[in-house]
Amino acid sequence: MEGVTPFPPEFAARYRAKGYWGDRPLGEVMREWMRTHGERLAICHPVRRTYAELDRRAERLARHLLALGIGPRSSVVVHLPNVPEFVELYLALQYLGAIPLMTLPAHREHEIAHYVDFIDADAYAVPASFGSFDFLAFARKIRAGASRPPLVLVAGEAPGDEGFVSLTELAEREPDLPPSALAGLDIDPDDPCVFQLSGGTTGIPKVIPRSHNDYAYNSHLIGSLNDIRPDDVLLVAAPIGHNFPLASPGVQAFFEWGASIALVTTPRPAEALAVIEACRVTHLEVVPAMIIAWLNYERLSDHDRTSVRVINSGGQKYQRETKLQTEAAFPNAKVQEVFGMAEGLLMIARLDDPAEVRHETAGRPICPDDEVYLVDELGERVSEGEIGELICRGPYTLRGYFKAPEVNARAFSPDGFYLSGDLLRMHPSGNYIVEGRKKDLVNRGGEKISAEEVEDMLLAHTAVKMVSCVPMPDPLLGERMCAYVVPRGEPPTLEQLTAHLSSRGLARFKHPERLELVEEFPLSPFGKVQKNVLAARIAAAVAEQSLSRA
């Protein structure tokens, strides 16, 4: 497919020979799950759908879409919250061999207009209503500005505009095309089955093509390490289109095992904890900011949390202190950190790892053919225990971003290793510890300080609820560290925090040299702390103070 960097033939042959790739379209694989699990419950909230019902609705929707011109290699920008129509549309597109591009509900014109044109979208899916934002008016604007106006697929009631159709209504009525129309579709398992978005903090995120072969394997393997049982329930509170809740292990793995999912459109503690209790949720997939909000919810003790058995954390480092607090709040659960990327590679702490290893590390790769190295700035491998940049390749890690040759020349080595920008070190157990990003370092006079190392220690202070450390400009040293803190109770002073760090043996040059107290952090749509925003704030404050002294 044009714009997609294929796996080299010798690697593809190896992955097939080892059974990693099944050479089946993901839709065929998922349809098999639907039929195998039949009358088991697939969705338990906010509606109840058995696997058989879900399959019928998705199959009807697929035939309607085929009649509307959506088929193999058609592209669809999906801009939906965590609603049942998302799941039905995703299945229908996989049955068709069409390619959904997963955006987030919080994306707006800057991102959506770009993606509609960038992938030459055949369709664009939106909710009829969600929150206070007028998605239908927005869709009209996107459609009018597109170089090729896409068909608008509406979750809910569609307006009477030309080019708008209701996903909900299509899934409920029998189409003119017979079921046999889907059987003859030519779907290449090496084609993309989904376009994910990169997790970059600057510019418009890059488009990640994930193939049918690698995405099915991705979910199957990490699901096998997640203790999923047929009667289990996954709470989907993060945006469902993101790689973590969709496929790592996410919805796909829970469907493979015949378990259920509960969808919530907000991760706010009151709503999420109520669903955990009502649906007897067993598995959580969270980002640290989400779980910290739950832990600090004043009515946490009002909700029964005893059903939760596994808590997966991803997106950012889950500090040891927070893991301990989480397991205290969810007494029957084990925290199982996931380090991964929409680009492919997944690491996960094993549930049978010793507690201290689970609490200290982000796990290890899931596949024997995940090639993982830590390298220095010259590309040389670092010694065991030293911090280095993660580079990787393997059977489910991409070989290039979509239609981005210039980016690919920088992001991949000549022999196909993805240069992640993540800084890790190996733990004596063989697991890995995340030390931040190459850009998440404070370069204090040539001494490079890991922000996450300092954050982890500060979280152990009783007056610190949340913390984010960022660089601030300094005329002498280049950068110093500023700690943004959301306090718990009486706000701490900088002196109290540095005394705490000294008591834990942290080198003095690593201590933050400025404290900013805030009520909350700016968060990305997926719940990651936007450190770039915090760094810009402190840079502006430092510049203003310099001017006032001049």
Protein backbone atom coordinates (compact mmCIF):
# COMPACT_ATOMS: atom_id res chain seq x y z
CA MET A 1 0.00 0.00 0.00
CA GLU A 2 1.42 3.39 -0.97
CA GLY A 3 2.81 5.31 2.00
CA VAL A 4 3.37 2.17 4.11
CA THR A 5 6.88 0.90 4.80
CA PRO A 6 6.73 -2.91 4.55
CA PHE A 7 8.63 -5.36 6.70
CA PRO A 8 11.70 -6.64 4.79
CA PRO A 9 10.92 -10.04 3.19
CA GLU A 10 13.42 -11.94 5.34
CA PHE A 11 11.85 -10.61 8.55
CA ALA A 12 8.31 -11.25 7.32
CA ALA A 13 9.28 -14.83 6.46
CA ARG A 14 10.76 -15.32 9.94
CA TYR A 15 7.67 -13.97 11.69
CA ARG A 16 5.42 -16.22 9.63
CA ALA A 17 7.61 -19.28 10.21
CA LYS A 18 7.49 -18.71 13.97
CA GLY A 19 3.71 -18.41 13.94
CA TYR A 20 3.53 -14.77 14.99
CA TRP A 21 1.62 -13.78 11.89
CA GLY A 22 -1.50 -15.73 10.98
CA ASP A 23 -2.01 -14.17 7.53
CA ARG A 24 -5.69 -13.59 8.28
CA PRO A 25 -7.54 -10.27 8.18
CA LEU A 26 -8.23 -8.98 11.68
CA GLY A 27 -11.94 -8.84 10.85
CA GLU A 28 -11.96 -12.57 10.10
CA VAL A 29 -10.22 -13.25 13.41
CA MET A 30 -12.63 -11.03 15.35
CA ARG A 31 -15.67 -12.54 13.64
CA GLU A 32 -14.47 -15.93 14.79
CA TRP A 33 -14.39 -14.60 18.36
CA MET A 34 -17.94 -13.26 18.01
CA ARG A 35 -19.26 -16.61 16.85
CA THR A 36 -17.27 -18.65 19.36
CA HIS A 37 -18.54 -16.68 22.34
CA GLY A 38 -22.09 -16.32 20.98
CA GLU A 39 -24.46 -15.67 23.87
CA ARG A 40 -21.80 -14.52 26.31
CA LEU A 41 -21.94 -10.85 27.27
CA ALA A 42 -19.58 -8.67 25.23
CA ILE A 43 -20.68 -5.21 26.45
CA CYS A 44 -22.17 -4.88 29.93
CA HIS A 45 -22.40 -1.07 30.17
CA PRO A 46 -23.99 1.34 29.16
CA VAL A 47 -25.98 -1.19 27.09
CA ARG A 48 -25.88 -4.97 27.22
CA ARG A 49 -24.81 -6.75 24.04
CA THR A 50 -24.01 -10.40 23.64
CA TYR A 51 -21.30 -11.38 21.19
CA ALA A 52 -23.98 -12.66 18.81
CA GLU A 53 -25.89 -9.35 18.97
CA LEU A 54 -22.73 -7.33 18.50
CA ASP A 55 -21.78 -9.44 15.49
CA ARG A 56 -25.22 -9.06 13.91
CA ARG A 57 -25.19 -5.30 14.31
CA ALA A 58 -21.62 -4.93 13.03
CA GLU A 59 -22.30 -7.24 10.08
CA ARG A 60 -25.41 -5.28 9.07
CA LEU A 61 -23.47 -2.04 9.41
CA ALA A 62 -20.65 -3.44 7.27
CA ARG A 63 -23.05 -4.34 4.46
CA HIS A 64 -24.65 -0.89 4.56
CA LEU A 65 -21.22 0.76 4.42
CA LEU A 66 -20.16 -1.46 1.54
CA ALA A 67 -23.22 -0.29 -0.38
CA LEU A 68 -22.15 3.29 0.40
CA GLY A 69 -18.71 2.69 -1.11
CA ILE A 70 -16.67 1.78 1.98
CA GLY A 71 -14.58 -1.34 1.38
CA PRO A 72 -11.03 -2.72 1.55
CA ARG A 73 -8.45 0.08 1.99
CA SER A 74 -11.14 2.74 2.43
CA SER A 75 -10.11 5.15 5.19
CA VAL A 76 -12.35 6.47 7.97
CA VAL A 77 -11.50 9.14 10.54
CA VAL A 78 -13.11 7.99 13.81
CA HIS A 79 -13.91 10.86 16.20
CA LEU A 80 -16.11 9.08 18.73
CA PRO A 81 -16.19 8.82 22.54
CA ASN A 82 -16.54 5.55 24.46
CA VAL A 83 -19.97 4.57 23.14
CA PRO A 84 -21.25 1.20 21.84
CA GLU A 85 -21.36 2.58 18.28
CA PHE A 86 -17.58 2.88 18.41
CA VAL A 87 -17.26 -0.87 18.95
CA GLU A 88 -19.83 -1.68 16.26
CA LEU A 89 -18.14 0.61 13.75
CA TYR A 90 -14.67 -0.76 14.54
CA LEU A 91 -15.87 -4.32 13.99
CA ALA A 92 -17.71 -3.37 10.79
CA LEU A 93 -14.63 -1.66 9.37
CA GLN A 94 -12.52 -4.71 10.16
CA TYR A 95 -15.10 -6.96 8.45
CA LEU A 96 -14.71 -4.71 5.38
CA GLY A 97 -10.93 -4.36 5.46
CA ALA A 98 -11.38 -0.58 5.77
CA ILE A 99 -8.88 1.42 7.83
CA PRO A 100 -10.05 3.53 10.78
CA LEU A 101 -7.83 6.40 11.93
CA MET A 102 -8.26 6.78 15.67
CA THR A 103 -8.58 10.36 16.85
CA LEU A 104 -9.58 11.52 20.32
CA PRO A 105 -12.86 13.26 21.25
CA ALA A 106 -10.90 16.34 22.31
CA HIS A 107 -9.28 16.80 18.89
CA ARG A 108 -10.51 19.82 16.97
CA GLU A 109 -10.15 21.43 13.54
CA HIS A 110 -6.36 21.71 13.55
CA GLU A 111 -6.03 17.93 13.86
CA ILE A 112 -9.21 16.60 12.25
CA ALA A 113 -9.05 18.69 9.06
CA HIS A 114 -5.44 17.61 8.63
CA TYR A 115 -6.20 13.91 9.04
CA VAL A 116 -9.25 13.95 6.76
CA ASP A 117 -7.10 15.29 3.93
CA PHE A 118 -3.90 13.45 4.87
CA ILE A 119 -5.45 9.99 4.55
CA ASP A 120 -7.99 11.13 1.91
CA ALA A 121 -10.79 9.96 4.18
CA ASP A 122 -13.82 8.28 2.63
CA ALA A 123 -15.82 8.79 5.83
CA TYR A 124 -15.72 10.65 9.12
CA ALA A 125 -17.50 9.36 12.26
CA VAL A 126 -18.85 11.67 14.98
CA PRO A 127 -21.39 11.50 17.83
CA ALA A 128 -24.75 13.24 17.38
CA SER A 129 -24.05 14.88 20.73
CA PHE A 130 -21.37 14.63 23.37
CA GLY A 131 -20.76 17.13 26.12
CA SER A 132 -21.22 20.77 25.16
CA PHE A 133 -19.41 20.57 21.82
CA ASP A 134 -21.55 20.66 18.65
CA PHE A 135 -20.07 17.74 16.70
CA LEU A 136 -22.64 17.94 13.91
CA ALA A 137 -21.87 21.59 13.16
CA PHE A 138 -18.20 20.73 13.36
CA ALA A 139 -18.67 17.84 10.90
CA ARG A 140 -20.37 20.19 8.45
CA LYS A 141 -17.37 22.51 8.66
CA ILE A 142 -14.89 19.67 8.18
CA ARG A 143 -16.84 18.28 5.25
CA ALA A 144 -17.09 21.70 3.58
CA GLY A 145 -13.35 22.31 3.93
CA ALA A 146 -12.14 18.89 2.81
CA SER A 147 -10.53 18.46 -0.59
CA ARG A 148 -12.84 15.45 -1.02
CA PRO A 149 -15.89 15.71 1.30
CA PRO A 150 -16.20 12.50 3.35
CA LEU A 151 -19.41 10.69 4.17
CA VAL A 152 -20.34 11.61 7.77
CA LEU A 153 -21.28 8.66 9.98
CA VAL A 154 -23.25 9.74 13.05
CA ALA A 155 -23.50 7.79 16.30
CA GLY A 156 -27.10 8.60 17.18
CA GLU A 157 -29.65 10.48 15.13
CA ALA A 158 -28.29 11.99 11.92
CA PRO A 159 -29.48 15.36 10.59
CA GLY A 160 -31.15 15.58 7.21
CA ASP A 161 -28.03 16.98 5.50
CA GLU A 162 -26.81 15.33 2.35
CA GLY A 163 -23.83 13.10 3.09
CA PHE A 164 -24.86 12.34 6.72
CA VAL A 165 -26.06 8.87 7.80
CA SER A 166 -26.82 7.34 11.20
CA LEU A 167 -24.56 4.48 12.33
CA THR A 168 -27.13 3.57 14.95
CA GLU A 169 -29.96 3.29 12.45
CA LEU A 170 -27.88 1.34 9.91
CA ALA A 171 -26.90 -1.24 12.53
CA GLU A 172 -30.55 -1.85 13.37
CA ARG A 173 -32.02 -2.52 9.93
CA GLU A 174 -31.38 -5.16 7.31
CA PRO A 175 -29.40 -3.87 4.30
CA ASP A 176 -30.11 -4.59 0.65
CA LEU A 177 -26.76 -6.30 0.10
CA PRO A 178 -26.78 -9.97 1.17
CA PRO A 179 -24.33 -11.37 3.75
CA SER A 180 -22.44 -13.07 0.93
CA ALA A 181 -21.28 -9.61 -0.24
CA LEU A 182 -18.71 -9.58 2.56
CA ALA A 183 -17.33 -13.01 1.73
CA GLY A 184 -15.72 -11.99 -1.54
CA LEU A 185 -13.73 -9.02 -0.26
CA ASP A 186 -10.01 -9.10 -1.00
CA ILE A 187 -8.27 -8.04 2.22
CA ASP A 188 -4.45 -8.23 2.40
CA PRO A 189 -3.25 -9.15 5.94
CA ASP A 190 -0.14 -7.04 5.33
CA ASP A 191 -2.29 -3.93 4.79
CA PRO A 192 -3.00 -1.55 7.68
CA CYS A 193 -6.04 -2.55 9.75
CA VAL A 194 -5.88 0.65 11.79
CA PHE A 195 -4.11 3.99 11.80
CA GLN A 196 -2.99 4.94 15.29
CA LEU A 197 -1.50 8.30 16.25
CA SER A 198 1.93 8.88 17.72
CA GLY A 199 2.22 10.16 21.27
CA GLY A 200 4.38 13.17 20.43
CA THR A 201 3.90 16.37 22.42
CA THR A 202 4.76 18.77 19.60
CA GLY A 203 3.12 19.27 16.22
CA ILE A 204 0.34 17.14 14.80
CA PRO A 205 0.83 13.48 15.82
CA LYS A 206 2.20 11.21 13.12
CA VAL A 207 0.11 8.41 11.61
CA ILE A 208 1.07 4.85 12.55
CA PRO A 209 -0.03 2.04 10.22
CA ARG A 210 -0.64 -1.22 12.11
CA SER A 211 -1.16 -4.27 9.94
CA HIS A 212 -3.75 -7.03 10.34
CA ASN A 213 -0.93 -9.47 11.04
CA ASP A 214 0.87 -7.46 13.68
CA TYR A 215 -2.20 -6.04 15.47
CA ALA A 216 -3.87 -9.41 16.00
CA TYR A 217 -0.59 -10.79 17.37
CA ASN A 218 -0.06 -7.68 19.52
CA SER A 219 -3.35 -8.18 21.41
CA HIS A 220 -3.14 -11.95 21.64
CA LEU A 221 0.30 -12.01 23.20
CA ILE A 222 -0.15 -9.27 25.78
CA GLY A 223 -3.62 -10.62 26.58
CA SER A 224 -2.07 -13.96 27.45
CA LEU A 225 -0.03 -12.20 30.15
CA ASN A 226 -3.00 -10.33 31.67
CA ASP A 227 -4.88 -13.12 33.48
CA ILE A 228 -8.08 -12.62 31.46
CA ARG A 229 -10.88 -15.08 32.30
CA PRO A 230 -14.23 -15.52 30.52
CA ASP A 231 -16.23 -13.92 33.34
CA ASP A 232 -13.94 -10.90 33.66
CA VAL A 233 -14.90 -7.29 32.96
CA LEU A 234 -12.61 -4.55 31.63
CA LEU A 235 -13.41 -0.93 32.47
CA VAL A 236 -12.73 1.25 29.41
CA ALA A 237 -12.35 4.73 30.86
CA ALA A 238 -9.51 6.10 28.74
CA PRO A 239 -10.41 7.06 25.15
CA ILE A 240 -11.14 3.74 23.49
CA GLY A 241 -9.40 4.57 20.21
CA HIS A 242 -6.04 4.83 21.88
CA ASN A 243 -3.76 1.82 21.42
CA PHE A 244 -3.73 0.94 25.14
CA PRO A 245 -7.50 0.46 25.76
CA LEU A 246 -8.15 -0.80 22.22
CA ALA A 247 -5.50 -3.46 21.82
CA SER A 248 -2.78 -3.54 24.49
CA PRO A 249 -4.43 -5.70 25.81
CA GLY A 250 -7.66 -3.71 25.70
CA VAL A 251 -10.95 -4.51 24.01
CA GLN A 252 -9.42 -6.83 21.43
CA ALA A 253 -7.85 -9.15 23.99
CA PHE A 254 -10.96 -9.24 26.17
CA PHE A 255 -13.05 -10.17 23.14
CA GLU A 256 -10.62 -12.93 22.25
CA TRP A 257 -11.05 -14.45 25.72
CA GLY A 258 -14.84 -14.04 25.70
CA ALA A 259 -14.88 -11.52 28.54
CA SER A 260 -16.91 -8.29 28.83
CA ILE A 261 -16.17 -4.59 28.57
CA ALA A 262 -17.82 -1.68 30.40
CA LEU A 263 -17.67 1.65 28.59
CA VAL A 264 -17.64 4.98 30.39
CA THR A 265 -17.38 8.33 28.65
CA THR A 266 -15.53 10.04 31.48
CA PRO A 267 -12.83 8.85 33.89
CA ARG A 268 -14.19 11.09 36.67
CA PRO A 269 -14.02 9.19 39.98
CA ALA A 270 -17.74 9.23 40.80
CA GLU A 271 -18.79 7.73 37.46
CA ALA A 272 -15.90 5.30 37.08
CA LEU A 273 -16.08 3.92 40.63
CA ALA A 274 -19.85 3.46 40.37
CA VAL A 275 -19.42 1.33 37.25
CA ILE A 276 -16.57 -0.64 38.83
CA GLU A 277 -18.91 -1.53 41.68
CA ALA A 278 -22.05 -2.18 39.61
CA CYS A 279 -20.36 -4.28 36.91
CA ARG A 280 -17.94 -6.08 39.23
CA VAL A 281 -15.03 -4.88 37.12
CA THR A 282 -11.92 -7.08 37.35
CA HIS A 283 -9.45 -5.19 35.15
CA LEU A 284 -8.55 -1.51 34.96
CA GLU A 285 -6.46 0.22 32.31
CA VAL A 286 -5.42 3.62 33.61
CA VAL A 287 -2.92 6.42 33.23
CA PRO A 288 -1.31 7.74 36.44
CA ALA A 289 -3.26 11.01 36.50
CA MET A 290 -6.52 9.03 36.33
CA ILE A 291 -5.74 6.63 39.16
CA ILE A 292 -4.35 9.43 41.37
CA ALA A 293 -7.66 11.29 40.98
CA TRP A 294 -9.51 8.14 42.06
CA LEU A 295 -7.20 7.58 45.04
CA ASN A 296 -7.83 11.13 46.24
CA TYR A 297 -11.60 11.05 45.72
CA GLU A 298 -13.24 11.93 49.02
CA ARG A 299 -15.93 9.21 48.62
CA LEU A 300 -13.60 6.42 47.50
CA SER A 301 -14.44 4.34 50.57
CA ASP A 302 -18.14 4.42 49.67
CA HIS A 303 -17.52 2.14 46.67
CA ASP A 304 -16.85 -1.59 46.67
CA ARG A 305 -13.52 -2.15 44.88
CA THR A 306 -12.95 -5.76 45.85
CA SER A 307 -13.75 -7.18 42.40
CA VAL A 308 -10.67 -5.55 40.82
CA ARG A 309 -7.89 -8.09 40.30
CA VAL A 310 -5.51 -6.50 37.77
CA ILE A 311 -4.63 -2.82 37.28
CA ASN A 312 -2.67 -1.98 34.15
CA SER A 313 -1.03 1.41 34.00
CA GLY A 314 0.38 2.98 30.85
CA GLY A 315 1.08 6.27 29.16
CA GLN A 316 3.57 7.54 31.73
CA LYS A 317 5.75 6.07 34.43
CA TYR A 318 3.73 4.75 37.35
CA GLN A 319 5.83 5.66 40.37
CA ARG A 320 6.44 3.08 43.07
CA GLU A 321 4.71 5.12 45.77
CA THR A 322 1.57 5.41 43.66
CA LYS A 323 1.59 1.66 42.97
CA LEU A 324 1.68 0.97 46.70
CA GLN A 325 -1.17 3.42 47.34
CA THR A 326 -3.17 1.84 44.51
CA GLU A 327 -2.83 -1.70 45.87
CA ALA A 328 -3.85 -0.45 49.31
CA ALA A 329 -6.99 1.13 47.83
CA PHE A 330 -7.82 -1.93 45.69
CA PRO A 331 -6.98 -4.69 48.19
CA ASN A 332 -7.43 -7.69 45.86
CA ALA A 333 -5.53 -6.19 42.93
CA LYS A 334 -2.02 -6.33 41.59
CA VAL A 335 -0.60 -3.39 39.67
CA GLN A 336 0.88 -4.56 36.38
CA GLU A 337 2.62 -1.69 34.62
CA VAL A 338 2.63 -1.65 30.82
CA PHE A 339 5.31 0.21 28.93
CA GLY A 340 4.36 0.47 25.31
CA MET A 341 3.87 2.62 22.29
CA ALA A 342 1.35 2.83 19.49
CA GLU A 343 4.35 2.24 17.21
CA GLY A 344 4.48 -1.34 18.49
CA LEU A 345 6.79 -2.60 21.22
CA LEU A 346 5.13 -3.64 24.46
CA MET A 347 6.69 -4.46 27.80
CA ILE A 348 4.71 -5.63 30.79
CA ALA A 349 5.50 -6.63 34.34
CA ARG A 350 4.46 -10.24 34.90
CA LEU A 351 1.85 -10.88 37.56
CA ASP A 352 4.09 -13.51 39.15
CA ASP A 353 7.07 -11.18 39.37
CA PRO A 354 8.09 -10.50 42.99
CA ALA A 355 6.19 -7.54 44.41
CA GLU A 356 9.30 -5.39 44.64
CA VAL A 357 10.03 -6.02 40.93
CA ARG A 358 6.44 -5.16 39.91
CA HIS A 359 6.61 -2.00 41.99
CA GLU A 360 10.00 -0.89 40.70
CA THR A 361 9.80 -1.75 36.99
CA ALA A 362 7.76 -1.42 33.81
CA GLY A 363 8.29 -5.05 32.85
CA ARG A 364 10.04 -6.69 29.92
CA PRO A 365 9.23 -7.35 26.25
CA ILE A 366 6.38 -9.73 25.45
CA CYS A 367 7.87 -11.53 22.43
CA PRO A 368 11.15 -13.48 22.08
CA ASP A 369 11.74 -11.68 18.78
CA ASP A 370 11.39 -8.20 20.27
CA GLU A 371 14.89 -6.87 19.66
CA VAL A 372 15.53 -4.29 22.37
CA TYR A 373 18.72 -2.34 23.05
CA LEU A 374 19.65 0.68 25.14
CA VAL A 375 22.16 2.97 23.47
CA ASP A 376 24.06 6.16 24.22
CA GLU A 377 24.15 9.34 22.15
CA LEU A 378 26.62 7.72 19.74
CA GLY A 379 24.41 4.71 19.20
CA GLU A 380 26.64 2.40 21.25
CA ARG A 381 25.06 -0.03 23.69
CA VAL A 382 25.28 1.05 27.32
CA SER A 383 26.44 -1.22 30.11
CA GLU A 384 23.88 -3.14 32.14
CA GLY A 385 22.22 -0.86 34.68
CA GLU A 386 23.10 2.33 32.81
CA ILE A 387 20.50 4.64 31.26
CA GLY A 388 20.20 4.57 27.49
CA GLU A 389 17.76 5.35 24.71
CA LEU A 390 15.50 2.44 23.79
CA ILE A 391 15.76 1.25 20.20
CA CYS A 392 13.66 -1.68 19.04
CA ARG A 393 12.29 -3.75 16.18
CA GLY A 394 10.13 -6.86 16.08
CA PRO A 395 7.07 -8.62 14.64
CA TYR A 396 4.58 -5.93 15.72
CA THR A 397 6.74 -2.78 15.65
CA LEU A 398 6.32 -0.56 12.61
CA ARG A 399 9.05 0.08 10.05
CA GLY A 400 7.88 3.57 9.17
CA TYR A 401 5.22 6.20 9.78
CA PHE A 402 2.57 6.61 7.09
CA LYS A 403 3.56 8.89 4.21
CA ALA A 404 6.43 10.43 6.20
CA PRO A 405 9.78 9.66 4.49
CA GLU A 406 11.62 12.61 6.05
CA VAL A 407 10.45 11.72 9.56
CA ASN A 408 11.28 8.07 8.97
CA ALA A 409 14.85 8.95 8.01
CA ARG A 410 15.29 10.41 11.52
CA ALA A 411 13.14 7.98 13.50
CA PHE A 412 14.55 4.70 12.19
CA SER A 413 18.07 3.34 11.85
CA PRO A 414 19.22 2.03 8.45
CA ASP A 415 18.67 -1.53 9.70
CA GLY A 416 15.09 -0.86 10.78
CA PHE A 417 15.34 -0.13 14.51
CA TYR A 418 12.80 2.38 15.82
CA LEU A 419 14.59 5.13 17.77
CA SER A 420 12.03 5.64 20.51
CA GLY A 421 13.44 8.62 22.43
CA ASP A 422 12.55 6.80 25.67
CA LEU A 423 15.24 6.50 28.34
CA LEU A 424 15.37 3.20 30.21
CA ARG A 425 17.75 1.14 32.28
CA MET A 426 17.76 -2.56 33.02
CA HIS A 427 16.84 -3.74 36.50
CA PRO A 428 18.82 -6.68 37.96
CA SER A 429 15.69 -8.82 37.46
CA GLY A 430 15.89 -8.37 33.68
CA ASN A 431 12.91 -6.03 33.68
CA TYR A 432 13.29 -2.41 32.63
CA ILE A 433 12.87 0.85 34.52
CA VAL A 434 11.62 3.90 32.63
CA GLU A 435 13.75 6.97 33.31
CA GLY A 436 11.83 9.41 31.13
CA ARG A 437 12.23 10.79 27.65
CA LYS A 438 15.37 12.16 26.03
CA LYS A 439 13.55 15.47 26.16
CA ASP A 440 12.41 14.82 29.77
CA LEU A 441 15.84 15.58 31.17
CA VAL A 442 17.06 18.66 32.95
CA ASN A 443 20.55 19.54 31.72
CA ARG A 444 22.00 21.38 34.70
CA GLY A 445 25.43 22.57 33.71
CA GLY A 446 26.10 19.38 31.77
CA GLU A 447 24.68 17.08 34.45
CA LYS A 448 21.58 15.41 32.98
CA ILE A 449 18.91 14.79 35.60
CA SER A 450 15.97 12.45 35.07
CA ALA A 451 12.79 14.33 36.02
CA GLU A 452 10.96 11.09 36.77
CA GLU A 453 13.60 9.96 39.27
CA VAL A 454 13.00 13.12 41.30
CA GLU A 455 9.22 12.93 40.88
CA ASP A 456 9.17 9.37 42.23
CA MET A 457 10.87 10.48 45.45
CA LEU A 458 8.75 13.61 45.87
CA LEU A 459 5.55 11.56 45.65
CA ALA A 460 6.57 9.85 48.88
CA HIS A 461 6.22 13.18 50.73
CA THR A 462 2.95 13.33 52.62
CA ALA A 463 2.16 16.87 51.40
CA VAL A 464 2.59 15.99 47.69
CA LYS A 465 -0.48 14.75 45.84
CA MET A 466 0.93 15.07 42.31
CA VAL A 467 4.23 16.38 40.98
CA SER A 468 5.78 17.20 37.64
CA CYS A 469 9.39 18.37 37.28
CA VAL A 470 10.39 20.45 34.27
CA PRO A 471 13.46 22.45 33.18
CA MET A 472 13.54 26.21 33.62
CA PRO A 473 16.03 28.47 31.83
CA ASP A 474 19.10 29.61 33.74
CA PRO A 475 21.76 32.02 32.40
CA LEU A 476 24.60 30.30 34.26
CA LEU A 477 23.81 26.59 34.12
CA GLY A 478 21.53 26.51 31.08
CA GLU A 479 18.74 24.80 33.00
CA ARG A 480 17.63 24.22 36.55
CA MET A 481 14.75 22.09 37.78
CA CYS A 482 11.34 23.45 38.74
CA ALA A 483 8.86 21.22 40.60
CA TYR A 484 5.17 21.82 39.95
CA VAL A 485 3.21 20.33 42.87
CA VAL A 486 -0.47 19.73 43.49
CA PRO A 487 -0.44 19.70 47.32
CA ARG A 488 -2.21 17.35 49.67
CA GLY A 489 -3.43 19.34 52.67
CA GLU A 490 -1.01 21.99 53.92
CA PRO A 491 1.20 23.02 50.95
CA PRO A 492 4.86 22.07 51.33
CA THR A 493 7.74 24.53 51.07
CA LEU A 494 10.73 24.06 48.79
CA GLU A 495 12.91 23.66 51.86
CA GLN A 496 10.74 20.83 53.16
CA LEU A 497 10.87 19.04 49.82
CA THR A 498 14.63 19.33 49.43
CA ALA A 499 15.10 18.12 53.02
CA HIS A 500 12.93 15.12 52.13
CA LEU A 501 15.06 14.40 49.05
CA SER A 502 18.25 14.68 51.10
CA SER A 503 16.86 12.21 53.64
CA ARG A 504 16.36 9.74 50.80
CA GLY A 505 19.92 10.14 49.61
CA LEU A 506 19.32 12.05 46.38
CA ALA A 507 22.33 14.01 45.14
CA ARG A 508 22.01 17.72 45.86
CA PHE A 509 22.47 18.78 42.24
CA LYS A 510 19.30 16.82 41.36
CA HIS A 511 17.09 18.77 43.75
CA PRO A 512 14.46 21.14 42.32
CA GLU A 513 15.46 24.76 42.79
CA ARG A 514 12.02 26.27 42.43
CA LEU A 515 8.56 25.21 43.60
CA GLU A 516 5.30 26.12 41.89
CA LEU A 517 2.07 25.17 43.68
CA VAL A 518 -0.92 24.52 41.41
CA GLU A 519 -4.43 23.13 41.82
CA GLU A 520 -4.18 20.85 38.78
CA PHE A 521 -1.97 19.97 35.83
CA PRO A 522 -2.72 20.56 32.15
CA LEU A 523 -3.53 17.16 30.68
CA SER A 524 -3.56 15.77 27.16
CA PRO A 525 -6.80 14.17 25.90
CA PHE A 526 -5.44 10.82 27.07
CA GLY A 527 -4.62 12.09 30.56
CA LYS A 528 -0.87 12.62 30.24
CA VAL A 529 0.59 15.61 32.03
CA GLN A 530 1.56 18.16 29.37
CA LYS A 531 5.06 18.93 30.54
CA ASN A 532 5.68 21.14 27.52
CA VAL A 533 2.93 23.48 28.77
CA LEU A 534 4.41 23.57 32.28
CA ALA A 535 7.91 24.21 30.89
CA ALA A 536 6.59 27.07 28.77
CA ARG A 537 4.87 28.59 31.80
CA ILE A 538 7.98 28.59 33.95
CA ALA A 539 10.12 29.88 31.07
CA ALA A 540 7.71 32.80 30.65
CA ALA A 541 7.74 33.48 34.39
CA VAL A 542 11.55 33.45 34.52
CA ALA A 543 11.74 35.79 31.52
CA GLU A 544 9.25 38.21 33.09
CA GLN A 545 11.17 38.27 36.35
CA SER A 546 14.41 38.93 34.49
CA LEU A 547 12.84 41.90 32.73
CA SER A 548 11.46 43.32 35.95
CA ARG A 549 14.94 43.20 37.53
CA ALA A 550 16.61 44.80 34.51
